[in-house]
């Protein structure tokens, strides 16, 4: 008997409380469609990450019910859960507006779990007053996700000023020695702010799942 091309983790929501994310960048539109149909048949929400515009259009041609989230470069199939009332438990910060794709991926991943986020773009350390201006509001969030490219200083500053868990996301934005986000990653890993959590370059989904685990423990 031939082995299936994919083995979906349909029990992940029951086991971990997490929707399985499908990496779309290296899958064909036919593979994505087949996976989405299998999720739908099991009454599971589909989340596909890293899908470019042409592939997204090809998937939607076969599955018109698929929703494209262009800023996040993601697709979903199935209704997103309604967040509970009250303030947003997660604040998403970015050093600059160039980081918005990673921010949008994290925001959508949390939305797939019924978590509302407050988004604060362009509060990087090049204009530190912008971050200081929003500090009072940030104190209300339970978890902070800080995305930054260049030298990646934003999460260190945030973690040095606020007591909540801070998840740092290095972004592949910057000139020359920024090396596609490697300089930001190294800087975050070497941060002097105690307790800073760091995920991989451009990994908005991973940051969202780290935040989800923290929120689960805090309940």
C-alpha atoms as a PDB file:
ATOM      1  CA  UNK A   1       0.000   0.000   0.000  1.00  0.00           C
ATOM      2  CA  UNK A   2       1.349   3.423  -0.962  1.00  0.00           C
ATOM      3  CA  UNK A   3       2.048   5.858   1.857  1.00  0.00           C
ATOM      4  CA  UNK A   4      -0.052   9.080   1.878  1.00  0.00           C
ATOM      5  CA  UNK A   5       1.674  12.280   0.777  1.00  0.00           C
ATOM      6  CA  UNK A   6       0.757  13.929   4.067  1.00  0.00           C
ATOM      7  CA  UNK A   7      -0.283  12.867   7.554  1.00  0.00           C
ATOM      8  CA  UNK A   8      -2.318  15.571   9.229  1.00  0.00           C
ATOM      9  CA  UNK A   9      -2.199  16.032  12.996  1.00  0.00           C
ATOM     10  CA  UNK A  10      -5.945  16.287  13.463  1.00  0.00           C
ATOM     11  CA  UNK A  11      -5.638  15.723  17.210  1.00  0.00           C
ATOM     12  CA  UNK A  12      -3.328  18.690  17.809  1.00  0.00           C
ATOM     13  CA  UNK A  13      -6.126  21.030  18.947  1.00  0.00           C
ATOM     14  CA  UNK A  14      -7.286  18.439  21.495  1.00  0.00           C
ATOM     15  CA  UNK A  15      -3.745  17.576  22.613  1.00  0.00           C
ATOM     16  CA  UNK A  16      -2.118  21.016  22.642  1.00  0.00           C
ATOM     17  CA  UNK A  17      -4.924  23.487  22.072  1.00  0.00           C
ATOM     18  CA  UNK A  18      -3.250  24.550  18.813  1.00  0.00           C
ATOM     19  CA  UNK A  19      -4.444  24.569  15.225  1.00  0.00           C
ATOM     20  CA  UNK A  20      -2.022  22.723  12.963  1.00  0.00           C
ATOM     21  CA  UNK A  21      -0.378  25.183  10.556  1.00  0.00           C
ATOM     22  CA  UNK A  22       0.489  24.003   7.047  1.00  0.00           C
ATOM     23  CA  UNK A  23       3.726  25.329   5.561  1.00  0.00           C
ATOM     24  CA  UNK A  24       2.645  26.460   2.099  1.00  0.00           C
ATOM     25  CA  UNK A  25       5.824  27.841   0.567  1.00  0.00           C
ATOM     26  CA  UNK A  26       7.146  24.514  -0.670  1.00  0.00           C
ATOM     27  CA  UNK A  27       3.797  22.865  -1.398  1.00  0.00           C
ATOM     28  CA  UNK A  28       1.957  22.984  -4.719  1.00  0.00           C
ATOM     29  CA  UNK A  29      -1.531  24.415  -4.990  1.00  0.00           C
ATOM     30  CA  UNK A  30      -2.874  20.873  -5.499  1.00  0.00           C
ATOM     31  CA  UNK A  31      -1.231  19.689  -2.281  1.00  0.00           C
ATOM     32  CA  UNK A  32      -2.648  22.656  -0.361  1.00  0.00           C
ATOM     33  CA  UNK A  33      -6.134  22.034  -1.770  1.00  0.00           C
ATOM     34  CA  UNK A  34      -6.002  18.337  -0.841  1.00  0.00           C
ATOM     35  CA  UNK A  35      -4.880  19.154   2.711  1.00  0.00           C
ATOM     36  CA  UNK A  36      -7.537  21.861   3.125  1.00  0.00           C
ATOM     37  CA  UNK A  37     -10.253  19.468   1.983  1.00  0.00           C
ATOM     38  CA  UNK A  38      -9.083  16.860   4.484  1.00  0.00           C
ATOM     39  CA  UNK A  39      -9.139  19.411   7.305  1.00  0.00           C
ATOM     40  CA  UNK A  40     -12.627  20.547   6.252  1.00  0.00           C
ATOM     41  CA  UNK A  41     -13.870  16.949   6.191  1.00  0.00           C
ATOM     42  CA  UNK A  42     -12.648  16.574   9.792  1.00  0.00           C
ATOM     43  CA  UNK A  43     -14.336  19.881  10.738  1.00  0.00           C
ATOM     44  CA  UNK A  44     -10.988  21.478  11.524  1.00  0.00           C
ATOM     45  CA  UNK A  45      -9.895  25.016  10.725  1.00  0.00           C
ATOM     46  CA  UNK A  46      -7.236  25.213   8.006  1.00  0.00           C
ATOM     47  CA  UNK A  47      -4.304  27.630   8.350  1.00  0.00           C
ATOM     48  CA  UNK A  48      -1.724  27.680   5.552  1.00  0.00           C
ATOM     49  CA  UNK A  49       1.309  29.960   5.952  1.00  0.00           C
ATOM     50  CA  UNK A  50       3.772  31.422   3.438  1.00  0.00           C
ATOM     51  CA  UNK A  51       1.618  31.423   0.315  1.00  0.00           C
ATOM     52  CA  UNK A  52       2.471  33.877  -2.457  1.00  0.00           C
ATOM     53  CA  UNK A  53      -0.136  35.715  -4.511  1.00  0.00           C
ATOM     54  CA  UNK A  54      -0.052  33.429  -7.562  1.00  0.00           C
ATOM     55  CA  UNK A  55      -0.346  30.231  -5.511  1.00  0.00           C
ATOM     56  CA  UNK A  56      -3.129  31.731  -3.397  1.00  0.00           C
ATOM     57  CA  UNK A  57      -5.117  32.566  -6.530  1.00  0.00           C
ATOM     58  CA  UNK A  58      -4.621  29.027  -7.866  1.00  0.00           C
ATOM     59  CA  UNK A  59      -5.863  27.534  -4.580  1.00  0.00           C
ATOM     60  CA  UNK A  60      -8.894  29.820  -4.505  1.00  0.00           C
ATOM     61  CA  UNK A  61      -9.736  28.824  -8.086  1.00  0.00           C
ATOM     62  CA  UNK A  62     -10.203  25.261  -6.834  1.00  0.00           C
ATOM     63  CA  UNK A  63     -11.573  26.141  -3.395  1.00  0.00           C
ATOM     64  CA  UNK A  64     -13.468  29.454  -3.542  1.00  0.00           C
ATOM     65  CA  UNK A  65     -14.273  29.253   0.181  1.00  0.00           C
ATOM     66  CA  UNK A  66     -10.598  29.719   1.049  1.00  0.00           C
ATOM     67  CA  UNK A  67      -9.892  33.161   2.510  1.00  0.00           C
ATOM     68  CA  UNK A  68      -6.668  34.906   1.564  1.00  0.00           C
ATOM     69  CA  UNK A  69      -4.882  37.115   4.092  1.00  0.00           C
ATOM     70  CA  UNK A  70      -2.433  38.953   1.813  1.00  0.00           C
ATOM     71  CA  UNK A  71      -0.542  40.914   4.430  1.00  0.00           C
ATOM     72  CA  UNK A  72       0.124  37.753   6.448  1.00  0.00           C
ATOM     73  CA  UNK A  73       0.780  35.689   3.287  1.00  0.00           C
ATOM     74  CA  UNK A  74      -1.621  33.074   4.665  1.00  0.00           C
ATOM     75  CA  UNK A  75      -4.796  31.220   3.738  1.00  0.00           C
ATOM     76  CA  UNK A  76      -7.597  29.990   5.983  1.00  0.00           C
ATOM     77  CA  UNK A  77     -10.578  27.748   5.407  1.00  0.00           C
ATOM     78  CA  UNK A  78     -13.328  27.678   7.986  1.00  0.00           C
ATOM     79  CA  UNK A  79     -14.685  30.291  10.400  1.00  0.00           C
ATOM     80  CA  UNK A  80     -12.304  31.894  12.861  1.00  0.00           C
ATOM     81  CA  UNK A  81     -13.411  31.689  16.508  1.00  0.00           C
ATOM     82  CA  UNK A  82     -14.897  34.807  18.073  1.00  0.00           C
ATOM     83  CA  UNK A  83     -12.587  36.357  20.691  1.00  0.00           C
ATOM     84  CA  UNK A  84     -14.079  36.748  24.160  1.00  0.00           C
ATOM     85  CA  UNK A  85     -14.965  40.285  25.269  1.00  0.00           C
ATOM     86  CA  UNK A  86     -12.439  42.360  27.108  1.00  0.00           C
ATOM     87  CA  UNK A  87      -9.035  43.872  26.457  1.00  0.00           C
ATOM     88  CA  UNK A  88      -6.572  42.249  24.072  1.00  0.00           C
ATOM     89  CA  UNK A  89      -4.315  39.832  25.997  1.00  0.00           C
ATOM     90  CA  UNK A  90      -1.491  40.136  23.452  1.00  0.00           C
ATOM     91  CA  UNK A  91       0.222  43.277  22.157  1.00  0.00           C
ATOM     92  CA  UNK A  92       2.143  43.017  18.874  1.00  0.00           C
ATOM     93  CA  UNK A  93       4.901  45.594  18.377  1.00  0.00           C
ATOM     94  CA  UNK A  94       7.160  46.210  15.421  1.00  0.00           C
ATOM     95  CA  UNK A  95      10.243  48.323  14.984  1.00  0.00           C
ATOM     96  CA  UNK A  96       9.062  49.599  11.609  1.00  0.00           C
ATOM     97  CA  UNK A  97       6.246  49.189   9.115  1.00  0.00           C
ATOM     98  CA  UNK A  98       8.500  46.882   7.055  1.00  0.00           C
ATOM     99  CA  UNK A  99       7.950  44.254   9.761  1.00  0.00           C
ATOM    100  CA  UNK A 100       4.185  44.193   9.215  1.00  0.00           C
ATOM    101  CA  UNK A 101       4.131  40.856   7.313  1.00  0.00           C
ATOM    102  CA  UNK A 102       5.580  39.004  10.303  1.00  0.00           C
ATOM    103  CA  UNK A 103       3.257  40.898  12.650  1.00  0.00           C
ATOM    104  CA  UNK A 104       0.265  39.971  10.480  1.00  0.00           C
ATOM    105  CA  UNK A 105       1.243  36.284  10.492  1.00  0.00           C
ATOM    106  CA  UNK A 106       1.399  36.268  14.287  1.00  0.00           C
ATOM    107  CA  UNK A 107      -1.864  38.174  14.565  1.00  0.00           C
ATOM    108  CA  UNK A 108      -3.698  35.761  12.252  1.00  0.00           C
ATOM    109  CA  UNK A 109      -2.269  32.702  14.008  1.00  0.00           C
ATOM    110  CA  UNK A 110      -3.629  33.995  17.316  1.00  0.00           C
ATOM    111  CA  UNK A 111      -6.958  34.915  15.707  1.00  0.00           C
ATOM    112  CA  UNK A 112      -7.266  31.259  14.649  1.00  0.00           C
ATOM    113  CA  UNK A 113      -7.341  30.487  18.390  1.00  0.00           C
ATOM    114  CA  UNK A 114      -9.788  33.225  19.375  1.00  0.00           C
ATOM    115  CA  UNK A 115      -7.088  35.545  20.729  1.00  0.00           C
ATOM    116  CA  UNK A 116      -7.438  39.243  19.984  1.00  0.00           C
ATOM    117  CA  UNK A 117      -4.264  41.325  19.579  1.00  0.00           C
ATOM    118  CA  UNK A 118      -3.459  44.996  19.773  1.00  0.00           C
ATOM    119  CA  UNK A 119      -1.115  45.972  16.954  1.00  0.00           C
ATOM    120  CA  UNK A 120       1.430  48.783  17.460  1.00  0.00           C
ATOM    121  CA  UNK A 121       3.592  49.352  14.404  1.00  0.00           C
ATOM    122  CA  UNK A 122       6.583  51.635  13.954  1.00  0.00           C
ATOM    123  CA  UNK A 123       7.612  51.995  17.589  1.00  0.00           C
ATOM    124  CA  UNK A 124      11.278  51.125  17.048  1.00  0.00           C
ATOM    125  CA  UNK A 125      14.261  52.487  18.914  1.00  0.00           C
ATOM    126  CA  UNK A 126      15.243  54.875  16.106  1.00  0.00           C
ATOM    127  CA  UNK A 127      12.557  57.102  17.629  1.00  0.00           C
ATOM    128  CA  UNK A 128      12.449  55.884  21.210  1.00  0.00           C
ATOM    129  CA  UNK A 129       9.795  58.427  22.190  1.00  0.00           C
ATOM    130  CA  UNK A 130       7.278  56.472  20.080  1.00  0.00           C
ATOM    131  CA  UNK A 131       7.707  53.423  22.311  1.00  0.00           C
ATOM    132  CA  UNK A 132       7.637  55.464  25.505  1.00  0.00           C
ATOM    133  CA  UNK A 133       4.376  57.068  24.392  1.00  0.00           C
ATOM    134  CA  UNK A 134       2.600  53.692  24.257  1.00  0.00           C
ATOM    135  CA  UNK A 135       4.060  52.148  27.429  1.00  0.00           C
ATOM    136  CA  UNK A 136       0.990  52.828  29.604  1.00  0.00           C
ATOM    137  CA  UNK A 137      -1.228  50.876  27.218  1.00  0.00           C
ATOM    138  CA  UNK A 138       1.260  48.022  26.928  1.00  0.00           C
ATOM    139  CA  UNK A 139       1.081  47.439  30.667  1.00  0.00           C
ATOM    140  CA  UNK A 140      -2.459  46.100  30.180  1.00  0.00           C
ATOM    141  CA  UNK A 141      -1.398  43.208  27.899  1.00  0.00           C
ATOM    142  CA  UNK A 142      -0.528  39.799  29.338  1.00  0.00           C
ATOM    143  CA  UNK A 143       2.047  38.901  26.661  1.00  0.00           C
ATOM    144  CA  UNK A 144       4.130  41.110  24.358  1.00  0.00           C
ATOM    145  CA  UNK A 145       5.466  40.078  20.953  1.00  0.00           C
ATOM    146  CA  UNK A 146       8.138  42.420  19.595  1.00  0.00           C
ATOM    147  CA  UNK A 147       9.241  42.118  15.950  1.00  0.00           C
ATOM    148  CA  UNK A 148      12.306  43.965  14.692  1.00  0.00           C
ATOM    149  CA  UNK A 149      14.879  43.855  11.922  1.00  0.00           C
ATOM    150  CA  UNK A 150      18.135  45.829  11.549  1.00  0.00           C
ATOM    151  CA  UNK A 151      20.009  45.306  14.855  1.00  0.00           C
ATOM    152  CA  UNK A 152      16.868  43.999  16.581  1.00  0.00           C
ATOM    153  CA  UNK A 153      17.047  46.222  19.669  1.00  0.00           C
ATOM    154  CA  UNK A 154      13.316  46.712  20.260  1.00  0.00           C
ATOM    155  CA  UNK A 155      12.600  43.515  22.271  1.00  0.00           C
ATOM    156  CA  UNK A 156      15.520  44.179  24.621  1.00  0.00           C
ATOM    157  CA  UNK A 157      14.261  47.683  25.365  1.00  0.00           C
ATOM    158  CA  UNK A 158      10.690  46.433  25.876  1.00  0.00           C
ATOM    159  CA  UNK A 159      11.843  43.609  28.168  1.00  0.00           C
ATOM    160  CA  UNK A 160      13.894  46.079  30.174  1.00  0.00           C
ATOM    161  CA  UNK A 161      10.890  48.332  30.775  1.00  0.00           C
ATOM    162  CA  UNK A 162       7.946  45.971  31.249  1.00  0.00           C
ATOM    163  CA  UNK A 163       7.448  42.879  33.442  1.00  0.00           C
ATOM    164  CA  UNK A 164       5.280  40.705  31.164  1.00  0.00           C
ATOM    165  CA  UNK A 165       6.639  37.815  29.082  1.00  0.00           C
ATOM    166  CA  UNK A 166       8.261  39.281  25.950  1.00  0.00           C
ATOM    167  CA  UNK A 167       8.681  37.177  22.801  1.00  0.00           C
ATOM    168  CA  UNK A 168      11.239  38.532  20.339  1.00  0.00           C
ATOM    169  CA  UNK A 169      10.945  37.935  16.581  1.00  0.00           C
ATOM    170  CA  UNK A 170      13.951  38.851  14.411  1.00  0.00           C
ATOM    171  CA  UNK A 171      12.847  40.093  11.002  1.00  0.00           C
ATOM    172  CA  UNK A 172      14.777  39.781   7.742  1.00  0.00           C
ATOM    173  CA  UNK A 173      14.866  43.542   7.150  1.00  0.00           C
ATOM    174  CA  UNK A 174      18.043  45.617   7.054  1.00  0.00           C
ATOM    175  CA  UNK A 175      21.087  46.660   5.059  1.00  0.00           C
ATOM    176  CA  UNK A 176      24.262  44.672   4.382  1.00  0.00           C
ATOM    177  CA  UNK A 177      25.485  43.096   7.596  1.00  0.00           C
ATOM    178  CA  UNK A 178      21.901  42.666   8.779  1.00  0.00           C
ATOM    179  CA  UNK A 179      22.302  39.431   6.794  1.00  0.00           C
ATOM    180  CA  UNK A 180      18.640  38.651   6.249  1.00  0.00           C
ATOM    181  CA  UNK A 181      17.757  38.958   9.927  1.00  0.00           C
ATOM    182  CA  UNK A 182      20.802  37.155  11.343  1.00  0.00           C
ATOM    183  CA  UNK A 183      22.134  40.297  13.039  1.00  0.00           C
ATOM    184  CA  UNK A 184      18.760  40.831  14.734  1.00  0.00           C
ATOM    185  CA  UNK A 185      18.617  37.169  15.779  1.00  0.00           C
ATOM    186  CA  UNK A 186      22.116  37.255  17.271  1.00  0.00           C
ATOM    187  CA  UNK A 187      21.390  40.511  19.084  1.00  0.00           C
ATOM    188  CA  UNK A 188      18.184  39.140  20.593  1.00  0.00           C
ATOM    189  CA  UNK A 189      19.863  35.911  21.662  1.00  0.00           C
ATOM    190  CA  UNK A 190      22.637  37.962  23.289  1.00  0.00           C
ATOM    191  CA  UNK A 191      20.171  40.340  24.969  1.00  0.00           C
ATOM    192  CA  UNK A 192      20.962  41.544  28.480  1.00  0.00           C
ATOM    193  CA  UNK A 193      17.232  41.713  29.299  1.00  0.00           C
ATOM    194  CA  UNK A 194      16.560  38.713  31.563  1.00  0.00           C
ATOM    195  CA  UNK A 195      13.888  36.256  30.480  1.00  0.00           C
ATOM    196  CA  UNK A 196      13.551  37.406  26.879  1.00  0.00           C
ATOM    197  CA  UNK A 197      12.237  34.579  24.659  1.00  0.00           C
ATOM    198  CA  UNK A 198      13.498  34.489  21.050  1.00  0.00           C
ATOM    199  CA  UNK A 199      12.046  32.628  18.049  1.00  0.00           C
ATOM    200  CA  UNK A 200      13.541  32.114  14.611  1.00  0.00           C
ATOM    201  CA  UNK A 201      13.816  34.727  11.861  1.00  0.00           C
ATOM    202  CA  UNK A 202      10.421  35.869  10.502  1.00  0.00           C
ATOM    203  CA  UNK A 203       8.654  33.222  12.611  1.00  0.00           C
ATOM    204  CA  UNK A 204       5.479  35.083  13.463  1.00  0.00           C
ATOM    205  CA  UNK A 205       3.550  31.822  13.775  1.00  0.00           C
ATOM    206  CA  UNK A 206       6.057  30.419  16.272  1.00  0.00           C
ATOM    207  CA  UNK A 207       5.855  33.586  18.371  1.00  0.00           C
ATOM    208  CA  UNK A 208       2.066  33.328  18.385  1.00  0.00           C
ATOM    209  CA  UNK A 209       2.188  29.731  19.590  1.00  0.00           C
ATOM    210  CA  UNK A 210       4.642  30.668  22.349  1.00  0.00           C
ATOM    211  CA  UNK A 211       2.206  33.380  23.440  1.00  0.00           C
ATOM    212  CA  UNK A 212      -0.654  30.860  23.337  1.00  0.00           C
ATOM    213  CA  UNK A 213       1.239  28.500  25.658  1.00  0.00           C
ATOM    214  CA  UNK A 214       1.939  31.350  28.091  1.00  0.00           C
ATOM    215  CA  UNK A 215      -1.710  32.423  28.086  1.00  0.00           C
ATOM    216  CA  UNK A 216      -2.762  28.838  28.731  1.00  0.00           C
ATOM    217  CA  UNK A 217      -0.564  28.667  31.821  1.00  0.00           C
ATOM    218  CA  UNK A 218      -1.851  32.037  33.050  1.00  0.00           C
ATOM    219  CA  UNK A 219      -5.525  30.981  32.982  1.00  0.00           C
END
